[in-house]
Amino acid sequence: MLTKNDLNQIKDLINPLSIDIGNVQKDLTDVKKRVRKIEGTVDVMIDHFDRVIIRTQKRVDRIGEHINL
């Protein structure tokens, strides 16, 4: 059976852990926000490069048709 002193010592050990968990949760929230922002940036970049590649491919096709390839 645990005594009151034992329980108090356990509480003293758990207190810093709960504070650390709170800090980790805050950090995780910040990381999630940054990841969402990066994902949005990557999506914009991919869309841009896809458009550039499609335009370049159309140009190459027209040039090929023009010189009868």
PDB file of N, CA and C in Angstrom:
ATOM      1  N   MET A   1       0.847  -1.182   0.000  1.00  0.00           N
ATOM      2  CA  MET A   1       0.000   0.000   0.000  1.00  0.00           C
ATOM      3  C   MET A   1       0.893   1.246   0.000  1.00  0.00           C
ATOM      4  N   LEU A   2       0.504   2.221  -0.774  1.00  0.00           N
ATOM      5  CA  LEU A   2       1.271   3.455  -0.856  1.00  0.00           C
ATOM      6  C   LEU A   2       0.864   4.424   0.249  1.00  0.00           C
ATOM      7  N   THR A   3       1.839   5.052   0.809  1.00  0.00           N
ATOM      8  CA  THR A   3       1.553   6.037   1.855  1.00  0.00           C
ATOM      9  C   THR A   3       1.334   7.408   1.210  1.00  0.00           C
ATOM     10  N   LYS A   4       0.878   8.355   2.009  1.00  0.00           N
ATOM     11  CA  LYS A   4       0.667   9.710   1.497  1.00  0.00           C
ATOM     12  C   LYS A   4       1.981  10.311   1.022  1.00  0.00           C
ATOM     13  N   ASN A   5       3.046   9.994   1.717  1.00  0.00           N
ATOM     14  CA  ASN A   5       4.359  10.486   1.335  1.00  0.00           C
ATOM     15  C   ASN A   5       4.767   9.929  -0.043  1.00  0.00           C
ATOM     16  N   ASP A   6       4.487   8.637  -0.252  1.00  0.00           N
ATOM     17  CA  ASP A   6       4.784   8.021  -1.553  1.00  0.00           C
ATOM     18  C   ASP A   6       3.996   8.709  -2.664  1.00  0.00           C
ATOM     19  N   LEU A   7       2.724   8.944  -2.406  1.00  0.00           N
ATOM     20  CA  LEU A   7       1.867   9.589  -3.404  1.00  0.00           C
ATOM     21  C   LEU A   7       2.351  11.010  -3.707  1.00  0.00           C
ATOM     22  N   ASN A   8       2.757  11.749  -2.691  1.00  0.00           N
ATOM     23  CA  ASN A   8       3.275  13.103  -2.892  1.00  0.00           C
ATOM     24  C   ASN A   8       4.553  13.084  -3.720  1.00  0.00           C
ATOM     25  N   GLN A   9       5.407  12.104  -3.472  1.00  0.00           N
ATOM     26  CA  GLN A   9       6.634  11.998  -4.254  1.00  0.00           C
ATOM     27  C   GLN A   9       6.319  11.686  -5.719  1.00  0.00           C
ATOM     28  N   ILE A  10       5.336  10.826  -5.933  1.00  0.00           N
ATOM     29  CA  ILE A  10       4.918  10.507  -7.308  1.00  0.00           C
ATOM     30  C   ILE A  10       4.369  11.755  -7.994  1.00  0.00           C
ATOM     31  N   LYS A  11       3.559  12.528  -7.281  1.00  0.00           N
ATOM     32  CA  LYS A  11       3.007  13.768  -7.847  1.00  0.00           C
ATOM     33  C   LYS A  11       4.129  14.742  -8.209  1.00  0.00           C
ATOM     34  N   ASP A  12       5.147  14.817  -7.304  1.00  0.00           N
ATOM     35  CA  ASP A  12       6.285  15.698  -7.591  1.00  0.00           C
ATOM     36  C   ASP A  12       7.020  15.261  -8.860  1.00  0.00           C
ATOM     37  N   LEU A  13       7.058  13.961  -9.119  1.00  0.00           N
ATOM     38  CA  LEU A  13       7.725  13.455 -10.320  1.00  0.00           C
ATOM     39  C   LEU A  13       6.876  13.680 -11.572  1.00  0.00           C
ATOM     40  N   ILE A  14       5.571  13.620 -11.418  1.00  0.00           N
ATOM     41  CA  ILE A  14       4.666  13.758 -12.570  1.00  0.00           C
ATOM     42  C   ILE A  14       4.508  15.218 -12.991  1.00  0.00           C
ATOM     43  N   ASN A  15       4.558  16.139 -12.061  1.00  0.00           N
ATOM     44  CA  ASN A  15       4.372  17.565 -12.375  1.00  0.00           C
ATOM     45  C   ASN A  15       5.286  18.056 -13.492  1.00  0.00           C
ATOM     46  N   PRO A  16       6.589  17.876 -13.423  1.00  0.00           N
ATOM     47  CA  PRO A  16       7.455  18.355 -14.510  1.00  0.00           C
ATOM     48  C   PRO A  16       7.151  17.670 -15.841  1.00  0.00           C
ATOM     49  N   LEU A  17       6.737  16.411 -15.768  1.00  0.00           N
ATOM     50  CA  LEU A  17       6.405  15.696 -17.000  1.00  0.00           C
ATOM     51  C   LEU A  17       5.191  16.309 -17.684  1.00  0.00           C
ATOM     52  N   SER A  18       4.205  16.706 -16.904  1.00  0.00           N
ATOM     53  CA  SER A  18       3.011  17.310 -17.499  1.00  0.00           C
ATOM     54  C   SER A  18       3.350  18.659 -18.126  1.00  0.00           C
ATOM     55  N   ILE A  19       4.269  19.398 -17.512  1.00  0.00           N
ATOM     56  CA  ILE A  19       4.705  20.673 -18.085  1.00  0.00           C
ATOM     57  C   ILE A  19       5.442  20.421 -19.397  1.00  0.00           C
ATOM     58  N   ASP A  20       6.305  19.392 -19.418  1.00  0.00           N
ATOM     59  CA  ASP A  20       7.035  19.045 -20.636  1.00  0.00           C
ATOM     60  C   ASP A  20       6.075  18.627 -21.749  1.00  0.00           C
ATOM     61  N   ILE A  21       5.047  17.878 -21.392  1.00  0.00           N
ATOM     62  CA  ILE A  21       4.060  17.449 -22.388  1.00  0.00           C
ATOM     63  C   ILE A  21       3.346  18.668 -22.966  1.00  0.00           C
ATOM     64  N   GLY A  22       3.024  19.629 -22.139  1.00  0.00           N
ATOM     65  CA  GLY A  22       2.388  20.856 -22.625  1.00  0.00           C
ATOM     66  C   GLY A  22       3.285  21.592 -23.602  1.00  0.00           C
ATOM     67  N   ASN A  23       4.580  21.658 -23.298  1.00  0.00           N
ATOM     68  CA  ASN A  23       5.524  22.317 -24.208  1.00  0.00           C
ATOM     69  C   ASN A  23       5.628  21.568 -25.528  1.00  0.00           C
ATOM     70  N   VAL A  24       5.641  20.246 -25.460  1.00  0.00           N
ATOM     71  CA  VAL A  24       5.722  19.435 -26.675  1.00  0.00           C
ATOM     72  C   VAL A  24       4.468  19.642 -27.524  1.00  0.00           C
ATOM     73  N   GLN A  25       3.317  19.737 -26.896  1.00  0.00           N
ATOM     74  CA  GLN A  25       2.077  19.956 -27.637  1.00  0.00           C
ATOM     75  C   GLN A  25       2.104  21.301 -28.356  1.00  0.00           C
ATOM     76  N   LYS A  26       2.620  22.341 -27.698  1.00  0.00           N
ATOM     77  CA  LYS A  26       2.727  23.654 -28.330  1.00  0.00           C
ATOM     78  C   LYS A  26       3.673  23.592 -29.520  1.00  0.00           C
ATOM     79  N   ASP A  27       4.809  22.926 -29.327  1.00  0.00           N
ATOM     80  CA  ASP A  27       5.775  22.796 -30.414  1.00  0.00           C
ATOM     81  C   ASP A  27       5.180  22.013 -31.583  1.00  0.00           C
ATOM     82  N   LEU A  28       4.439  20.979 -31.279  1.00  0.00           N
ATOM     83  CA  LEU A  28       3.821  20.168 -32.316  1.00  0.00           C
ATOM     84  C   LEU A  28       2.802  20.986 -33.108  1.00  0.00           C
ATOM     85  N   THR A  29       2.060  21.832 -32.430  1.00  0.00           N
ATOM     86  CA  THR A  29       1.100  22.699 -33.108  1.00  0.00           C
ATOM     87  C   THR A  29       1.822  23.632 -34.074  1.00  0.00           C
ATOM     88  N   ASP A  30       2.936  24.210 -33.637  1.00  0.00           N
ATOM     89  CA  ASP A  30       3.728  25.077 -34.508  1.00  0.00           C
ATOM     90  C   ASP A  30       4.260  24.309 -35.712  1.00  0.00           C
ATOM     91  N   VAL A  31       4.731  23.108 -35.483  1.00  0.00           N
ATOM     92  CA  VAL A  31       5.274  22.292 -36.575  1.00  0.00           C
ATOM     93  C   VAL A  31       4.177  21.969 -37.581  1.00  0.00           C
ATOM     94  N   LYS A  32       2.996  21.638 -37.091  1.00  0.00           N
ATOM     95  CA  LYS A  32       1.882  21.333 -37.996  1.00  0.00           C
ATOM     96  C   LYS A  32       1.536  22.534 -38.865  1.00  0.00           C
ATOM     97  N   LYS A  33       1.531  23.736 -38.281  1.00  0.00           N
ATOM     98  CA  LYS A  33       1.243  24.940 -39.053  1.00  0.00           C
ATOM     99  C   LYS A  33       2.281  25.146 -40.139  1.00  0.00           C
ATOM    100  N   ARG A  34       3.554  24.951 -39.775  1.00  0.00           N
ATOM    101  CA  ARG A  34       4.633  25.137 -40.747  1.00  0.00           C
ATOM    102  C   ARG A  34       4.544  24.116 -41.863  1.00  0.00           C
ATOM    103  N   VAL A  35       4.210  22.887 -41.534  1.00  0.00           N
ATOM    104  CA  VAL A  35       4.091  21.839 -42.547  1.00  0.00           C
ATOM    105  C   VAL A  35       2.966  22.180 -43.513  1.00  0.00           C
ATOM    106  N   ARG A  36       1.832  22.650 -42.999  1.00  0.00           N
ATOM    107  CA  ARG A  36       0.722  23.042 -43.876  1.00  0.00           C
ATOM    108  C   ARG A  36       1.149  24.157 -44.820  1.00  0.00           C
ATOM    109  N   LYS A  37       1.899  25.121 -44.302  1.00  0.00           N
ATOM    110  CA  LYS A  37       2.370  26.231 -45.127  1.00  0.00           C
ATOM    111  C   LYS A  37       3.330  25.728 -46.210  1.00  0.00           C
ATOM    112  N   ILE A  38       4.227  24.832 -45.835  1.00  0.00           N
ATOM    113  CA  ILE A  38       5.171  24.264 -46.801  1.00  0.00           C
ATOM    114  C   ILE A  38       4.431  23.455 -47.854  1.00  0.00           C
ATOM    115  N   GLU A  39       3.434  22.688 -47.450  1.00  0.00           N
ATOM    116  CA  GLU A  39       2.654  21.907 -48.407  1.00  0.00           C
ATOM    117  C   GLU A  39       1.987  22.824 -49.423  1.00  0.00           C
ATOM    118  N   GLY A  40       1.452  23.947 -48.952  1.00  0.00           N
ATOM    119  CA  GLY A  40       0.828  24.906 -49.870  1.00  0.00           C
ATOM    120  C   GLY A  40       1.838  25.467 -50.849  1.00  0.00           C
ATOM    121  N   THR A  41       3.020  25.798 -50.367  1.00  0.00           N
ATOM    122  CA  THR A  41       4.072  26.330 -51.230  1.00  0.00           C
ATOM    123  C   THR A  41       4.488  25.295 -52.268  1.00  0.00           C
ATOM    124  N   VAL A  42       4.629  24.056 -51.848  1.00  0.00           N
ATOM    125  CA  VAL A  42       5.011  22.988 -52.775  1.00  0.00           C
ATOM    126  C   VAL A  42       3.930  22.798 -53.836  1.00  0.00           C
ATOM    127  N   ASP A  43       2.670  22.852 -53.443  1.00  0.00           N
ATOM    128  CA  ASP A  43       1.581  22.718 -54.409  1.00  0.00           C
ATOM    129  C   ASP A  43       1.639  23.822 -55.457  1.00  0.00           C
ATOM    130  N   VAL A  44       1.900  25.045 -55.035  1.00  0.00           N
ATOM    131  CA  VAL A  44       1.997  26.168 -55.967  1.00  0.00           C
ATOM    132  C   VAL A  44       3.170  25.956 -56.923  1.00  0.00           C
ATOM    133  N   MET A  45       4.297  25.515 -56.390  1.00  0.00           N
ATOM    134  CA  MET A  45       5.476  25.277 -57.232  1.00  0.00           C
ATOM    135  C   MET A  45       5.214  24.178 -58.249  1.00  0.00           C
ATOM    136  N   ILE A  46       4.581  23.108 -57.825  1.00  0.00           N
ATOM    137  CA  ILE A  46       4.284  21.999 -58.730  1.00  0.00           C
ATOM    138  C   ILE A  46       3.350  22.457 -59.833  1.00  0.00           C
ATOM    139  N   ASP A  47       2.309  23.210 -59.493  1.00  0.00           N
ATOM    140  CA  ASP A  47       1.391  23.732 -60.508  1.00  0.00           C
ATOM    141  C   ASP A  47       2.138  24.593 -61.515  1.00  0.00           C
ATOM    142  N   HIS A  48       3.017  25.458 -61.025  1.00  0.00           N
ATOM    143  CA  HIS A  48       3.775  26.341 -61.914  1.00  0.00           C
ATOM    144  C   HIS A  48       4.653  25.524 -62.862  1.00  0.00           C
ATOM    145  N   PHE A  49       5.409  24.589 -62.324  1.00  0.00           N
ATOM    146  CA  PHE A  49       6.304  23.812 -63.168  1.00  0.00           C
ATOM    147  C   PHE A  49       5.527  22.915 -64.128  1.00  0.00           C
ATOM    148  N   ASP A  50       4.380  22.409 -63.721  1.00  0.00           N
ATOM    149  CA  ASP A  50       3.547  21.626 -64.636  1.00  0.00           C
ATOM    150  C   ASP A  50       3.121  22.474 -65.829  1.00  0.00           C
ATOM    151  N   ARG A  51       2.704  23.711 -65.558  1.00  0.00           N
ATOM    152  CA  ARG A  51       2.302  24.602 -66.656  1.00  0.00           C
ATOM    153  C   ARG A  51       3.478  24.891 -67.581  1.00  0.00           C
ATOM    154  N   VAL A  52       4.652  25.122 -66.998  1.00  0.00           N
ATOM    155  CA  VAL A  52       5.843  25.408 -67.809  1.00  0.00           C
ATOM    156  C   VAL A  52       6.188  24.198 -68.674  1.00  0.00           C
ATOM    157  N   ILE A  53       6.133  23.016 -68.119  1.00  0.00           N
ATOM    158  CA  ILE A  53       6.458  21.802 -68.867  1.00  0.00           C
ATOM    159  C   ILE A  53       5.461  21.591 -69.994  1.00  0.00           C
ATOM    160  N   ILE A  54       4.180  21.816 -69.724  1.00  0.00           N
ATOM    161  CA  ILE A  54       3.154  21.634 -70.759  1.00  0.00           C
ATOM    162  C   ILE A  54       3.372  22.628 -71.893  1.00  0.00           C
ATOM    163  N   ARG A  55       3.660  23.899 -71.555  1.00  0.00           N
ATOM    164  CA  ARG A  55       3.927  24.897 -72.604  1.00  0.00           C
ATOM    165  C   ARG A  55       5.144  24.514 -73.430  1.00  0.00           C
ATOM    166  N   THR A  56       6.175  24.044 -72.753  1.00  0.00           N
ATOM    167  CA  THR A  56       7.395  23.649 -73.469  1.00  0.00           C
ATOM    168  C   THR A  56       7.114  22.459 -74.376  1.00  0.00           C
ATOM    169  N   GLN A  57       6.358  21.502 -73.893  1.00  0.00           N
ATOM    170  CA  GLN A  57       6.029  20.330 -74.716  1.00  0.00           C
ATOM    171  C   GLN A  57       5.212  20.728 -75.939  1.00  0.00           C
ATOM    172  N   LYS A  58       4.257  21.637 -75.774  1.00  0.00           N
ATOM    173  CA  LYS A  58       3.463  22.100 -76.918  1.00  0.00           C
ATOM    174  C   LYS A  58       4.350  22.794 -77.935  1.00  0.00           C
ATOM    175  N   ARG A  59       5.289  23.590 -77.427  1.00  0.00           N
ATOM    176  CA  ARG A  59       6.218  24.294 -78.320  1.00  0.00           C
ATOM    177  C   ARG A  59       7.080  23.316 -79.106  1.00  0.00           C
ATOM    178  N   VAL A  60       7.590  22.319 -78.426  1.00  0.00           N
ATOM    179  CA  VAL A  60       8.418  21.303 -79.085  1.00  0.00           C
ATOM    180  C   VAL A  60       7.593  20.568 -80.136  1.00  0.00           C
ATOM    181  N   ASP A  61       6.348  20.243 -79.820  1.00  0.00           N
ATOM    182  CA  ASP A  61       5.472  19.569 -80.783  1.00  0.00           C
ATOM    183  C   ASP A  61       5.243  20.435 -82.021  1.00  0.00           C
ATOM    184  N   ARG A  62       4.994  21.741 -81.821  1.00  0.00           N
ATOM    185  CA  ARG A  62       4.778  22.639 -82.966  1.00  0.00           C
ATOM    186  C   ARG A  62       6.034  22.761 -83.819  1.00  0.00           C
ATOM    187  N   ILE A  63       7.179  22.845 -83.156  1.00  0.00           N
ATOM    188  CA  ILE A  63       8.437  22.929 -83.899  1.00  0.00           C
ATOM    189  C   ILE A  63       8.647  21.651 -84.697  1.00  0.00           C
ATOM    190  N   GLY A  64       8.372  20.504 -84.072  1.00  0.00           N
ATOM    191  CA  GLY A  64       8.499  19.234 -84.772  1.00  0.00           C
ATOM    192  C   GLY A  64       7.596  19.153 -85.979  1.00  0.00           C
ATOM    193  N   GLU A  65       6.356  19.627 -85.858  1.00  0.00           N
ATOM    194  CA  GLU A  65       5.427  19.637 -86.988  1.00  0.00           C
ATOM    195  C   GLU A  65       5.918  20.575 -88.083  1.00  0.00           C
ATOM    196  N   HIS A  66       6.460  21.683 -87.659  1.00  0.00           N
ATOM    197  CA  HIS A  66       6.932  22.674 -88.634  1.00  0.00           C
ATOM    198  C   HIS A  66       8.091  22.153 -89.471  1.00  0.00           C
ATOM    199  N   ILE A  67       8.976  21.390 -88.853  1.00  0.00           N
ATOM    200  CA  ILE A  67      10.111  20.879 -89.629  1.00  0.00           C
ATOM    201  C   ILE A  67       9.875  19.445 -90.091  1.00  0.00           C
ATOM    202  N   ASN A  68       8.620  19.001 -89.975  1.00  0.00           N
ATOM    203  CA  ASN A  68       8.182  17.673 -90.453  1.00  0.00           C
ATOM    204  C   ASN A  68       8.965  16.526 -89.827  1.00  0.00           C
ATOM    205  N   LEU A  69       8.983  16.500 -88.529  1.00  0.00           N
ATOM    206  CA  LEU A  69       9.619  15.372 -87.831  1.00  0.00           C
ATOM    207  C   LEU A  69       8.616  14.316 -87.484  1.00  0.00           C
TER     208      LEU A  69
END
